[in-house]
Protein backbone atom coordinates (compact mmCIF):
# COMPACT_ATOMS: atom_id res chain seq x y z
CA MET A 1 -2.76 35.22 96.87
CA LYS A 2 -3.63 37.90 94.37
CA LYS A 3 -6.10 36.58 91.83
CA TYR A 4 -5.95 37.20 88.10
CA LYS A 5 -8.21 39.82 86.56
CA VAL A 6 -10.93 38.40 84.30
CA LEU A 7 -13.29 39.89 81.75
CA PHE A 8 -15.96 37.20 82.00
CA GLY A 9 -16.06 34.49 84.61
CA SER A 10 -17.21 30.93 84.06
CA ALA A 11 -20.27 29.61 85.86
CA ASP A 12 -19.76 27.88 89.19
CA ARG A 13 -20.34 24.20 89.73
CA GLU A 14 -23.94 24.55 90.86
CA ASP A 15 -24.99 26.78 87.97
CA ALA A 16 -23.24 24.55 85.45
CA GLY A 17 -25.22 21.64 86.87
CA ARG A 18 -28.44 23.48 86.01
CA THR A 19 -27.40 24.06 82.40
CA ARG A 20 -28.93 21.91 79.66
CA LEU A 21 -27.11 21.43 76.37
CA LYS A 22 -29.60 20.96 73.57
CA GLY A 23 -29.56 20.51 69.80
CA ARG A 24 -26.70 18.56 68.27
CA ILE A 25 -24.28 19.42 71.10
CA GLY A 26 -26.81 18.20 73.65
CA GLU A 27 -27.32 15.06 71.60
CA MET A 28 -23.56 14.39 71.75
CA GLU A 29 -23.69 14.70 75.53
CA GLN A 30 -26.65 12.37 75.97
CA ARG A 31 -25.17 9.76 73.66
CA VAL A 32 -21.89 9.51 75.55
CA LEU A 33 -23.53 9.55 79.00
CA SER A 34 -25.80 6.76 77.84
CA ARG A 35 -22.75 4.88 76.58
CA LEU A 36 -21.12 5.09 80.02
CA ARG A 37 -24.15 3.32 81.50
CA GLY A 38 -23.56 0.34 79.23
CA PRO A 39 -22.82 -3.14 80.62
CA GLU A 40 -19.11 -2.81 79.78
CA PHE A 41 -18.71 -0.21 82.53
CA ASN A 42 -19.43 -2.47 85.48
CA GLU A 43 -17.91 -2.43 88.96
CA LEU A 44 -15.19 -5.01 88.36
CA PHE A 45 -14.10 -3.44 85.08
CA LEU A 46 -13.89 0.04 86.62
CA ILE A 47 -11.95 -0.97 89.73
CA ALA A 48 -9.54 -3.34 87.96
CA ASP A 49 -6.73 -0.76 87.66
CA LEU A 50 -6.73 -0.56 91.47
CA ASP A 51 -7.39 -4.12 92.69
CA PHE A 52 -6.31 -6.07 89.55
CA ASN A 53 -9.34 -8.38 89.66
CA GLN A 54 -9.03 -9.04 85.91
CA LYS A 55 -6.66 -8.59 83.01
CA ARG A 56 -7.95 -5.51 81.28
CA TRP A 57 -6.66 -2.73 79.06
CA PHE A 58 -4.07 -0.66 80.90
CA THR A 59 -4.50 -2.11 84.39
CA ASN A 60 -0.97 -0.91 85.08
CA TYR A 61 -2.19 2.70 84.67
CA SER A 62 -3.59 2.57 88.18
CA GLY A 63 -6.22 5.24 88.75
CA ASP A 64 -6.75 6.00 85.06
CA ILE A 65 -10.14 4.46 84.27
CA SER A 66 -11.29 4.51 87.89
CA GLY A 67 -10.35 8.16 88.32
CA ARG A 68 -11.89 9.27 85.04
CA PHE A 69 -15.12 7.47 85.93
CA LEU A 70 -15.21 9.16 89.32
CA GLU A 71 -14.67 12.58 87.76
CA ILE A 72 -17.37 12.39 85.09
CA MET A 73 -19.97 10.82 87.37
CA SER A 74 -19.34 13.47 90.01
CA LEU A 75 -19.81 16.20 87.39
CA ALA A 76 -22.80 14.76 85.54
CA GLY A 77 -24.69 13.28 88.49
CA ASN A 78 -25.55 16.56 90.24
CA GLY A 79 -24.82 15.12 93.67
CA SER A 80 -26.64 11.80 93.23
CA LYS A 81 -24.72 8.66 94.16
CA ASP A 82 -27.39 6.70 92.29
CA TYR A 83 -26.55 8.36 88.98
CA HIS A 84 -24.60 5.26 87.89
CA PRO A 85 -25.00 1.70 89.25
CA ALA A 86 -21.27 1.46 90.04
CA LEU A 87 -20.79 4.90 91.61
CA SER A 88 -21.46 4.04 95.27
CA PHE A 89 -19.24 0.98 94.94
CA MET A 90 -16.38 3.06 93.57
CA LEU A 91 -16.71 5.70 96.28
CA GLU A 92 -16.38 2.95 98.86
CA LYS A 93 -13.58 0.94 97.24
CA ILE A 94 -11.21 3.63 95.99
CA PRO A 95 -9.97 4.62 99.47
CA GLU A 96 -9.40 0.96 100.33
CA ASN A 97 -7.03 0.64 97.39
CA GLN A 98 -4.85 3.67 98.09
CA ARG A 99 -1.29 2.82 99.11
CA ASP A 100 0.20 4.15 102.33
CA ALA A 101 2.59 6.21 100.21
CA GLY A 102 -0.44 7.98 98.70
CA HIS A 103 -0.46 6.61 95.14
CA PHE A 104 -2.55 3.78 93.69
CA GLY A 105 -1.36 0.51 92.16
CA ILE A 106 1.50 -1.76 93.22
CA PRO A 107 4.16 -0.75 95.80
CA VAL A 108 7.05 1.07 94.13
CA ASP A 109 10.58 2.07 95.08
CA TRP A 110 10.55 5.51 93.46
CA SER A 111 14.29 5.94 93.90
CA GLY A 112 15.02 3.03 91.56
CA PRO A 113 15.56 3.24 87.78
CA ILE A 114 12.45 3.94 85.74
CA ASP A 115 11.05 0.76 84.21
CA TYR A 116 10.20 2.23 80.85
CA GLU A 117 9.66 0.28 77.66
CA GLN A 118 13.08 -0.17 76.09
CA PRO A 119 14.44 -2.93 73.86
CA MET A 120 15.79 -5.97 75.70
CA PRO A 121 19.34 -7.12 74.84
CA ASP A 122 18.04 -10.51 73.66
CA GLY A 123 15.23 -8.98 71.58
CA THR A 124 12.41 -10.19 73.84
CA GLN A 125 9.52 -8.03 74.94
CA PRO A 126 10.34 -5.82 77.93
CA PRO A 127 8.37 -6.16 81.16
CA VAL A 128 5.19 -4.07 81.37
CA PRO A 129 6.20 -0.71 82.89
CA ARG A 130 4.59 0.29 86.17
CA MET A 131 6.25 3.41 87.56
CA MET A 132 5.26 6.04 85.03
CA PRO A 133 1.84 4.48 84.32
CA ILE A 134 1.07 4.71 88.04
CA LEU A 135 1.89 8.42 87.91
CA TRP A 136 -0.40 8.87 84.91
CA GLY A 137 -3.17 7.02 86.73
CA SER A 138 -2.66 9.23 89.77
CA SER A 139 -2.97 12.34 87.59
CA ARG A 140 -6.40 11.17 86.40
CA MET A 141 -7.52 9.97 89.83
CA PHE A 142 -6.63 13.34 91.39
CA PRO A 143 -9.37 15.44 89.69
CA GLY A 144 -11.83 12.61 90.27
CA LEU A 145 -11.23 12.75 94.02
CA ILE A 146 -11.66 16.52 94.08
CA GLU A 147 -14.86 16.42 92.03
CA ALA A 148 -16.28 13.61 94.20
CA TYR A 149 -15.54 15.63 97.33
CA LEU A 150 -17.30 18.68 95.88
CA ALA A 151 -20.25 16.68 94.54
CA PHE A 152 -20.95 14.51 97.57
CA GLN A 153 -19.22 16.41 100.40
CA ASP A 154 -17.40 13.15 101.07
CA GLU A 155 -14.55 13.89 103.46
CA GLN A 156 -12.98 10.54 102.66
CA MET A 157 -12.47 11.70 99.07
CA LEU A 158 -10.72 14.84 100.31
CA ALA A 159 -8.55 12.77 102.64
CA CYS A 160 -7.51 10.57 99.70
CA ALA A 161 -6.73 13.67 97.61
CA LYS A 162 -4.56 15.16 100.37
CA LYS A 163 -2.73 11.87 100.76
CA LEU A 164 -2.08 11.83 97.00
CA GLY A 165 -0.97 15.47 97.06
CA ASP A 166 1.48 14.68 99.85
CA PHE A 167 2.82 11.81 97.73
CA TYR A 168 3.86 14.28 95.02
CA ILE A 169 5.54 16.47 97.61
CA ASN A 170 7.31 13.57 99.32
CA THR A 171 8.69 12.15 96.05
CA ARG A 172 10.05 15.41 94.69
CA GLU A 173 13.68 14.33 95.15
CA GLU A 174 13.09 11.10 93.23
CA LEU A 175 10.78 12.40 90.50
CA ALA A 176 12.10 15.90 89.83
CA SER A 177 15.82 15.57 90.39
CA PRO A 178 18.22 17.54 88.15
CA LEU A 179 20.58 14.58 88.50
CA ARG A 180 18.11 12.26 86.73
CA VAL A 181 17.09 14.46 83.80
CA GLU A 182 18.89 12.30 81.26
CA GLU A 183 17.07 9.22 82.55
CA TYR A 184 13.72 11.02 82.45
CA HIS A 185 14.25 12.08 78.84
CA ALA A 186 15.27 8.55 77.87
CA THR A 187 11.74 7.32 78.66
CA GLY A 188 10.33 9.25 75.69
CA THR A 189 7.07 11.16 75.45
CA TYR A 190 4.54 8.48 74.63
CA ALA A 191 2.04 6.85 77.01
CA ALA A 192 4.56 5.54 79.55
CA GLY A 193 7.07 8.39 79.21
CA TYR A 194 8.08 10.60 82.11
CA ALA A 195 7.10 13.87 80.43
CA THR A 196 3.62 12.47 79.76
CA CYS A 197 2.98 10.79 83.11
CA TYR A 198 4.56 12.97 85.79
CA PHE A 199 3.60 16.56 85.03
CA PRO A 200 -0.20 16.14 84.59
CA GLY A 201 -0.27 15.68 88.37
CA MET A 202 -0.10 19.48 88.51
CA GLU A 203 -3.82 19.67 87.72
CA GLY A 204 -4.86 17.80 90.84
CA LEU A 205 -2.41 19.69 93.03
CA VAL A 206 -3.89 23.04 92.01
CA ARG A 207 -7.43 21.74 92.44
CA LEU A 208 -6.46 20.50 95.91
CA TYR A 209 -5.15 23.96 96.73
CA GLU A 210 -8.48 25.40 95.59
CA VAL A 211 -10.45 23.37 98.12
CA THR A 212 -7.98 23.36 101.03
CA GLY A 213 -6.13 26.67 100.71
CA GLU A 214 -2.90 24.87 101.68
CA ASP A 215 -0.01 26.61 99.92
CA LYS A 216 2.17 23.51 99.83
CA TYR A 217 0.03 21.97 97.09
CA LEU A 218 0.13 24.99 94.82
CA GLY A 219 3.84 25.28 95.58
CA GLN A 220 4.46 21.73 94.41
CA ALA A 221 2.55 22.36 91.18
CA ARG A 222 4.70 25.42 90.55
CA ASN A 223 7.88 23.44 91.22
CA MET A 224 6.81 20.83 88.69
CA ALA A 225 5.93 23.48 86.10
CA ASP A 226 9.34 25.10 86.52
CA PHE A 227 11.10 21.75 86.15
CA ARG A 228 9.08 20.94 83.02
CA GLU A 229 10.15 24.13 81.27
CA LYS A 230 13.73 24.36 82.57
CA TYR A 231 14.69 20.90 81.35
CA GLY A 232 12.82 20.93 78.05
CA PHE A 233 9.94 18.56 78.78
CA ASP A 234 7.52 20.95 77.06
CA ARG A 235 9.17 20.77 73.64
CA LEU A 236 7.45 19.65 70.47
CA PRO A 237 7.16 17.22 68.77
CA PHE A 238 5.52 15.26 71.59
CA GLU A 239 4.13 11.76 71.19
CA HIS A 240 1.15 12.09 73.55
CA THR A 241 -0.91 15.21 72.89
CA HIS A 242 -3.42 14.27 75.60
CA GLY A 243 -0.66 14.35 78.22
CA TYR A 244 0.85 17.51 76.75
CA LEU A 245 -2.47 19.36 76.87
CA CYS A 246 -3.11 18.22 80.45
CA CYS A 247 0.09 20.09 81.31
CA VAL A 248 -0.96 23.22 79.42
CA TYR A 249 -4.29 23.19 81.24
CA SER A 250 -2.44 22.83 84.54
CA LEU A 251 -0.31 25.89 83.79
CA LEU A 252 -3.49 27.89 83.25
CA LEU A 253 -4.83 26.68 86.59
CA ILE A 254 -1.62 27.74 88.33
CA TYR A 255 -1.96 31.20 86.81
CA LYS A 256 -5.62 31.34 87.76
CA GLU A 257 -4.78 30.73 91.41
CA SER A 258 -1.49 32.62 91.71
CA GLY A 259 -1.98 35.57 89.39
CA GLU A 260 1.67 35.25 88.32
CA LYS A 261 1.87 36.09 84.61
CA ARG A 262 4.77 33.78 83.82
CA TRP A 263 2.57 30.70 84.14
CA LEU A 264 0.15 32.14 81.63
CA SER A 265 3.08 33.00 79.36
CA MET A 266 4.25 29.37 79.49
CA ALA A 267 0.79 28.11 78.55
CA GLU A 268 0.39 30.65 75.75
CA LYS A 269 3.76 29.66 74.35
CA ASN A 270 2.72 26.00 74.33
CA TRP A 271 -0.54 26.97 72.56
CA THR A 272 1.34 29.01 69.96
CA ASP A 273 3.87 26.22 69.40
CA LEU A 274 1.01 23.82 68.63
CA VAL A 275 -0.85 26.16 66.28
CA GLU A 276 2.06 27.74 64.43
CA GLY A 277 3.96 24.47 64.33
CA GLY A 278 1.22 22.87 62.26
CA TYR A 279 0.13 20.38 64.91
CA VAL A 280 -3.51 21.54 64.84
CA THR A 281 -5.51 20.16 61.94
CA PRO A 282 -7.76 22.46 59.87
CA SER A 283 -10.77 20.91 61.63
CA GLY A 284 -9.39 22.34 64.85
CA GLY A 285 -8.15 19.17 66.51
CA LEU A 286 -4.96 17.32 67.27
CA LEU A 287 -3.70 13.88 66.40
CA GLU A 288 -3.06 11.31 69.11
CA LYS A 289 0.66 11.88 68.63
CA GLY A 290 1.99 15.37 68.14
CA VAL A 291 4.06 14.06 65.26
CA PRO A 292 3.45 15.12 61.64
CA GLY A 293 2.09 12.26 59.56
CA PHE A 294 0.55 10.26 62.40
CA HIS A 295 -2.43 8.28 61.18
CA TRP A 296 -5.26 8.89 63.68
CA ASP A 297 -6.72 11.39 66.11
CA GLU A 298 -7.82 10.84 69.72
CA GLY A 299 -10.97 11.92 71.55
CA CYS A 300 -9.06 12.75 74.75
CA SER A 301 -6.87 15.24 72.90
CA GLN A 302 -9.88 16.99 71.39
CA ALA A 303 -11.53 17.17 74.83
CA ASP A 304 -8.37 18.68 76.33
CA TRP A 305 -7.96 21.14 73.47
CA ILE A 306 -11.50 22.40 74.03
CA ARG A 307 -10.99 22.97 77.75
CA VAL A 308 -7.57 24.60 77.23
CA ASN A 309 -9.06 27.09 74.79
CA LEU A 310 -12.05 27.85 77.01
CA LEU A 311 -9.85 28.56 80.01
CA CYS A 312 -7.43 30.57 77.86
CA TYR A 313 -10.31 32.82 76.86
CA GLU A 314 -11.51 33.22 80.43
CA LEU A 315 -8.05 34.28 81.57
CA THR A 316 -7.16 36.56 78.65
CA GLY A 317 -10.32 37.67 76.88
CA GLU A 318 -8.70 36.93 73.51
CA VAL A 319 -11.36 35.79 71.07
CA LYS A 320 -8.96 33.57 69.10
CA TYR A 321 -9.37 30.98 71.83
CA LEU A 322 -13.15 30.94 71.41
CA ASP A 323 -12.70 30.62 67.65
CA MET A 324 -10.50 27.56 68.15
CA ALA A 325 -12.77 25.96 70.76
CA GLU A 326 -15.74 26.40 68.45
CA ARG A 327 -13.85 24.98 65.48
CA VAL A 328 -12.88 21.75 67.23
CA LEU A 329 -16.24 21.35 69.02
CA TYR A 330 -18.26 21.64 65.82
CA ASN A 331 -15.93 19.60 63.65
CA GLN A 332 -13.22 17.25 64.86
CA PHE A 333 -14.79 16.54 68.26
CA ARG A 334 -18.11 15.79 66.61
CA ILE A 335 -16.64 13.54 63.95
CA ASN A 336 -14.59 11.74 66.62
CA GLN A 337 -17.76 10.49 68.34
CA CYS A 338 -18.54 7.00 67.09
CA GLU A 339 -21.87 5.28 66.51
CA THR A 340 -21.97 3.85 70.06
CA GLY A 341 -21.87 7.38 71.50
CA GLY A 342 -18.32 6.95 72.76
CA PHE A 343 -15.12 8.60 71.56
CA GLY A 344 -11.82 7.22 70.36
CA HIS A 345 -9.74 7.19 67.20
CA ARG A 346 -10.62 8.11 63.62
CA ARG A 347 -8.25 7.46 60.74
CA VAL A 348 -6.61 10.57 59.28
CA LEU A 349 -6.03 11.01 55.55
CA TYR A 350 -3.16 12.97 54.01
CA ASP A 351 -2.18 14.63 50.81
CA GLU A 352 1.22 16.09 49.95
CA TYR A 353 0.59 19.16 52.11
CA GLY A 354 -0.72 17.52 55.27
CA VAL A 355 -4.02 16.40 56.78
CA ALA A 356 -6.67 16.30 54.06
CA GLY A 357 -9.59 14.54 55.71
CA TYR A 358 -10.82 11.59 57.73
CA GLY A 359 -11.40 7.96 56.95
CA LYS A 360 -13.32 5.26 58.79
CA TYR A 361 -13.42 4.92 62.54
CA GLU A 362 -10.48 2.92 63.93
CA GLU A 363 -11.65 2.08 67.44
CA GLU A 364 -13.61 3.33 70.41
CA ALA A 365 -11.39 3.95 73.45
CA LEU A 366 -13.44 2.65 76.37
CA TRP A 367 -10.42 3.11 78.64
CA CYS A 368 -10.05 6.89 78.26
CA CYS A 369 -11.85 8.81 75.49
CA ASP A 370 -15.38 7.82 76.48
CA PHE A 371 -14.81 9.38 79.90
CA HIS A 372 -12.76 12.37 78.82
CA GLY A 373 -15.11 13.20 75.95
CA ALA A 374 -18.03 13.26 78.38
CA MET A 375 -15.98 15.42 80.76
CA ALA A 376 -15.37 18.02 78.05
CA LEU A 377 -19.11 18.48 77.52
CA GLN A 378 -19.72 18.86 81.25
CA ASN A 379 -16.94 21.44 81.42
CA LEU A 380 -18.49 23.26 78.45
CA LYS A 381 -21.56 23.99 80.57
CA LYS A 382 -19.52 26.46 82.62
CA TYR A 383 -19.01 28.56 79.51
CA VAL A 384 -22.38 28.77 77.76
CA VAL A 385 -23.29 31.83 79.85
CA MET A 386 -20.42 33.77 81.44
CA LYS A 387 -20.87 36.66 83.87
CA GLN A 388 -19.07 39.93 83.27
CA LYS A 389 -16.84 40.92 86.18
CA LYS A 390 -16.41 44.61 85.48
CA LYS A 391 -20.11 45.41 85.50
CA ASP A 392 -22.67 43.63 87.62
CA GLY A 393 -25.70 42.28 85.81
CA SER A 394 -24.13 41.65 82.39
CA TYR A 395 -23.73 38.22 80.83
CA PHE A 396 -21.91 36.83 77.82
CA ILE A 397 -22.92 34.07 75.38
CA PRO A 398 -19.76 32.84 73.60
CA PHE A 399 -21.36 30.20 71.34
CA LEU A 400 -24.55 30.11 69.30
CA PHE A 401 -25.62 26.54 69.91
CA ASP A 402 -28.82 25.38 71.61
CA PHE A 403 -28.92 25.48 75.41
CA GLU A 404 -30.84 26.57 78.51
CA ALA A 405 -28.97 28.03 81.47
CA GLN A 406 -30.20 29.36 84.79
CA ASN A 407 -28.70 30.81 87.94
CA GLU A 408 -30.11 32.87 90.79
CA GLU A 409 -30.04 35.99 88.64
CA VAL A 410 -30.99 35.10 85.07
CA PHE A 411 -32.49 32.49 82.79
CA VAL A 412 -31.10 32.40 79.23
CA SER A 413 -31.86 30.14 76.29
CA VAL A 414 -30.62 29.98 72.71
CA GLU A 415 -32.23 27.99 69.92
CA GLU A 416 -31.21 27.82 66.28
CA ILE A 417 -34.51 28.06 64.41
CA GLY A 418 -33.49 27.64 60.83
CA THR A 419 -30.92 27.91 58.06
CA SER A 420 -31.75 28.68 54.46
CA GLY A 421 -30.10 30.52 51.60
CA GLY A 422 -27.03 31.23 53.70
CA LEU A 423 -29.10 32.76 56.52
CA LYS A 424 -28.93 31.42 60.06
CA ARG A 425 -31.56 32.35 62.61
CA TRP A 426 -31.53 32.10 66.39
CA ARG A 427 -34.14 32.68 69.05
CA ILE A 428 -32.53 34.21 72.15
CA MET A 429 -34.57 34.54 75.31
CA GLY A 430 -33.49 36.12 78.59
CA LYS A 431 -35.17 36.82 81.91
CA ALA A 432 -33.60 38.62 84.87
CA GLU A 433 -34.66 37.71 88.38
CA ASN A 434 -33.50 41.16 89.49
CA THR A 435 -32.10 44.08 87.56
CA GLY A 436 -29.31 44.98 89.94
CA THR A 437 -28.49 48.26 91.64
CA ALA A 438 -25.96 50.83 90.48
CA GLU A 439 -23.29 51.46 93.11
CA ASN A 440 -23.21 55.27 92.90
CA THR A 441 -26.87 56.19 92.44
CA GLY A 442 -28.67 53.35 94.14
CA THR A 443 -30.99 53.07 91.12
CA GLU A 444 -31.74 49.93 89.21
CA HIS A 445 -29.98 49.37 85.91
CA PRO A 446 -30.93 46.93 83.14
CA VAL A 447 -29.32 43.57 82.70
CA GLU A 448 -27.65 42.98 79.34
CA ILE A 449 -26.70 39.86 77.45
CA ALA A 450 -23.70 40.22 75.16
CA VAL A 451 -23.69 37.68 72.32
CA ARG A 452 -20.42 37.01 70.53
CA ILE A 453 -20.64 37.72 66.82
CA PRO A 454 -18.33 35.08 65.28
CA ASP A 455 -16.01 36.04 62.45
CA TRP A 456 -17.98 33.74 60.13
CA ALA A 457 -21.19 35.76 60.57
CA GLY A 458 -21.95 38.40 57.93
CA PRO A 459 -24.52 41.21 57.99
CA SER A 460 -27.26 40.61 60.55
CA THR A 461 -30.67 41.88 61.59
CA LEU A 462 -32.34 41.83 65.01
CA TYR A 463 -36.10 41.38 65.43
CA ASP A 464 -38.52 41.25 68.30
CA GLU A 465 -40.63 38.14 68.85
CA GLY A 466 -43.25 39.43 66.44
CA GLY A 467 -40.75 39.97 63.62
CA THR A 468 -40.38 43.75 63.87
CA PRO A 469 -36.80 44.95 63.17
CA LEU A 470 -35.03 46.41 66.18
CA PRO A 471 -32.07 48.78 66.49
CA VAL A 472 -28.82 46.87 66.92
CA ARG A 473 -26.14 47.77 69.45
CA ILE A 474 -22.81 46.17 68.56
CA GLU A 475 -19.54 46.82 70.39
CA ALA A 476 -16.29 44.90 70.02
CA ASN A 477 -17.93 42.14 67.99
CA MET A 478 -20.66 41.64 70.60
CA LEU A 479 -24.39 42.09 70.12
CA TYR A 480 -25.97 43.57 73.26
CA LEU A 481 -29.52 42.59 74.25
CA PRO A 482 -31.28 44.15 77.28
CA ILE A 483 -33.44 41.87 79.43
CA GLY A 484 -35.67 42.50 82.42
CA LYS A 485 -37.90 40.74 84.91
CA GLU A 486 -40.31 39.85 82.13
CA PRO A 487 -39.00 37.41 79.49
CA ALA A 488 -37.40 39.22 76.56
CA VAL A 489 -37.31 37.33 73.26
CA TYR A 490 -35.13 38.31 70.32
CA LEU A 491 -34.75 36.82 66.88
CA TRP A 492 -31.33 37.28 65.35
CA GLU A 493 -30.68 36.58 61.69
CA ALA A 494 -27.18 36.56 60.19
CA PHE A 495 -25.96 35.88 56.69
CA CYS A 496 -23.36 33.11 56.74
CA PRO A 497 -21.60 32.83 53.38
CA VAL A 498 -19.58 29.86 52.23
CA TYR A 499 -15.93 30.87 52.32
CA LEU A 500 -12.42 29.49 51.93
CA GLU A 501 -9.62 29.19 54.48
CA ASP A 502 -6.03 28.13 54.07
CA ARG A 503 -4.55 25.44 56.28
CA CYS A 504 -3.45 28.01 58.86
CA PHE A 505 -7.04 29.17 59.53
CA HIS A 506 -6.83 32.38 57.47
CA LYS A 507 -9.60 33.37 55.08
CA THR A 508 -8.48 33.26 51.48
CA HIS A 509 -9.92 33.63 47.99
CA PRO A 510 -9.90 31.50 44.81
CA GLY A 511 -6.71 31.95 42.84
CA GLN A 512 -4.55 32.96 45.78
CA GLU A 513 -1.27 31.15 46.34
CA ALA A 514 -2.57 29.42 49.46
CA GLU A 515 -5.22 27.60 47.43
CA LYS A 516 -2.56 25.46 45.78
CA LYS A 517 -1.97 23.74 49.12
CA GLY A 518 -5.63 22.96 49.55
CA CYS A 519 -8.33 25.13 51.05
CA ILE A 520 -10.95 24.45 53.66
CA LEU A 521 -14.53 25.10 52.61
CA ARG A 522 -16.61 26.48 55.49
CA GLN A 523 -20.04 27.87 56.25
CA GLY A 524 -20.67 29.21 59.71
CA PRO A 525 -18.76 27.10 62.26
CA ASP A 526 -18.97 23.98 60.07
CA LEU A 527 -16.41 22.59 57.68
CA LEU A 528 -17.95 21.44 54.43
CA ALA A 529 -16.64 18.26 52.89
CA ALA A 530 -16.83 16.26 49.69
CA ARG A 531 -18.09 12.75 50.35
CA ILE A 532 -15.83 10.28 48.60
CA GLY A 533 -17.39 6.93 47.73
CA GLU A 534 -15.74 3.92 46.19
CA THR A 535 -15.45 5.44 42.72
CA GLN A 536 -16.26 9.13 42.62
CA PRO A 537 -16.99 12.17 44.80
CA ALA A 538 -20.51 12.71 45.97
CA VAL A 539 -22.08 16.07 46.80
CA VAL A 540 -20.56 18.58 49.18
CA GLY A 541 -22.16 18.45 52.61
CA ARG A 542 -21.48 19.13 56.26
CA MET A 543 -18.75 17.02 57.76
CA GLU A 544 -20.14 14.03 59.59
CA ASP A 545 -19.57 10.33 59.98
CA ASN A 546 -21.28 8.39 57.22
CA GLY A 547 -18.86 5.51 56.95
CA GLU A 548 -17.00 6.97 53.97
CA ALA A 549 -13.85 8.98 53.61
CA VAL A 550 -14.41 12.65 54.33
CA TYR A 551 -12.21 15.20 52.57
CA ILE A 552 -12.04 18.69 53.99
CA PHE A 553 -9.84 20.09 51.22
CA HIS A 554 -9.84 20.49 47.48
CA THR A 555 -7.97 17.27 46.83
CA SER A 556 -8.39 14.04 44.94
CA PRO A 557 -8.90 10.54 46.35
CA SER A 558 -5.60 9.41 44.83
CA ALA A 559 -3.73 11.93 46.97
CA ALA A 560 -4.78 10.23 50.21
CA LYS A 561 -2.36 7.88 51.89
């Protein structure tokens, strides 16, 4: 099939595995990976949603925890089955627990009525639903199987993935029937709803097509995407933003593999609906439920929102997606990480105009957010250094956080070396293993690193390692730095003023109409926040978890709900 045309491509799996996140982003990664090695994440706990050895959170979502674990360990372990004490056990036991039909969990008659949570006539609690939760679990197991196959070259994992892919194909008449649309809609859009549980299977189907080349799997993903849009399962509000964003990400994958613009258009529409509909908070994230006024966020949704925006940028080259990914990564994703290193739910505070800040941590979600949060940071490694497709030998740095990245052609590192008086400084080092050869002349040409200049960066100066000012080449909001076979070191200094934004992410000024609805105070990529203690506001500082309410707007404590 014809592939899409990209501006900058993400790093491949091997190169991403050689990338080291450092600084505060790297600290986030190490904290959550350490958390996943804790005693809670033992063999019996992890496999319980497949073999039901214990009563545990969400055992009816068969494949959910087990699949997420398999995915993150396959990504983070760099091909080592010893990376986690339970990994070899899971690789052995998962195939044993797959049903002949291809799914995981209990046997199911998929032609029967959906057993969703609905009030019982006598007022008693309804039975625990199984059908849709099994589909959700399958959607999270699917990427895990693919990643395990790629990480360990385990043919059994690929066989399980193909069996699961065939399950989606074989149940099309039962699970995507125009005659059952009313029943599907009746299940709602929360955790056990059809719209949440069925369509995220598209992600695994496209990934399976990537590794097998079998058109039937991509075809089934396209059929599901068509059904989702035609019958209104992509409409907002939506009570499970994690599930909704899994679908948006899947649409992008379909476009990436097919090159058919309509899939990208669907995904972009979903993105626009979220942003313009007011579902994205000023800190860049989403609430657990895509419903105005909901009271907490969710780590999984922030992780999905990051990867959706990164892939959107790769496929379109539109910098607004990088701006959004940076906003949520530096702010809501960071504040969602709890003291254990895991991710979960933080309480959201409101004023009369909407989200106004964050309260204390509600709970860590060991069943989903710990895994998905870690996955987002592994996925981020594909995007710290992107290679330009139109011109061999050029590379792009989208984000100015600390990292080291290496492939067969270049080594690149970025380090923030200080902030004072509104000035931020970075040390950028690059080394090219070879300088490339021009197609027409046969002569070598220099390798260049293009560094994104964010919209929050003001006037800047470039220096060599000794502090001598250098001429600056800037094109299309990118700073270009030549590198060669000898390490080239640059010092870049940019003025980063404190500025105001309205709640729709537009820069504003004191006295403007938008200020009446509350303004965000920012410096660089960070939101600034007033710390609110028991009795009075404390000083303004960078948004972080200190156990107190954090207000990101000009608002008063009495306005919070």
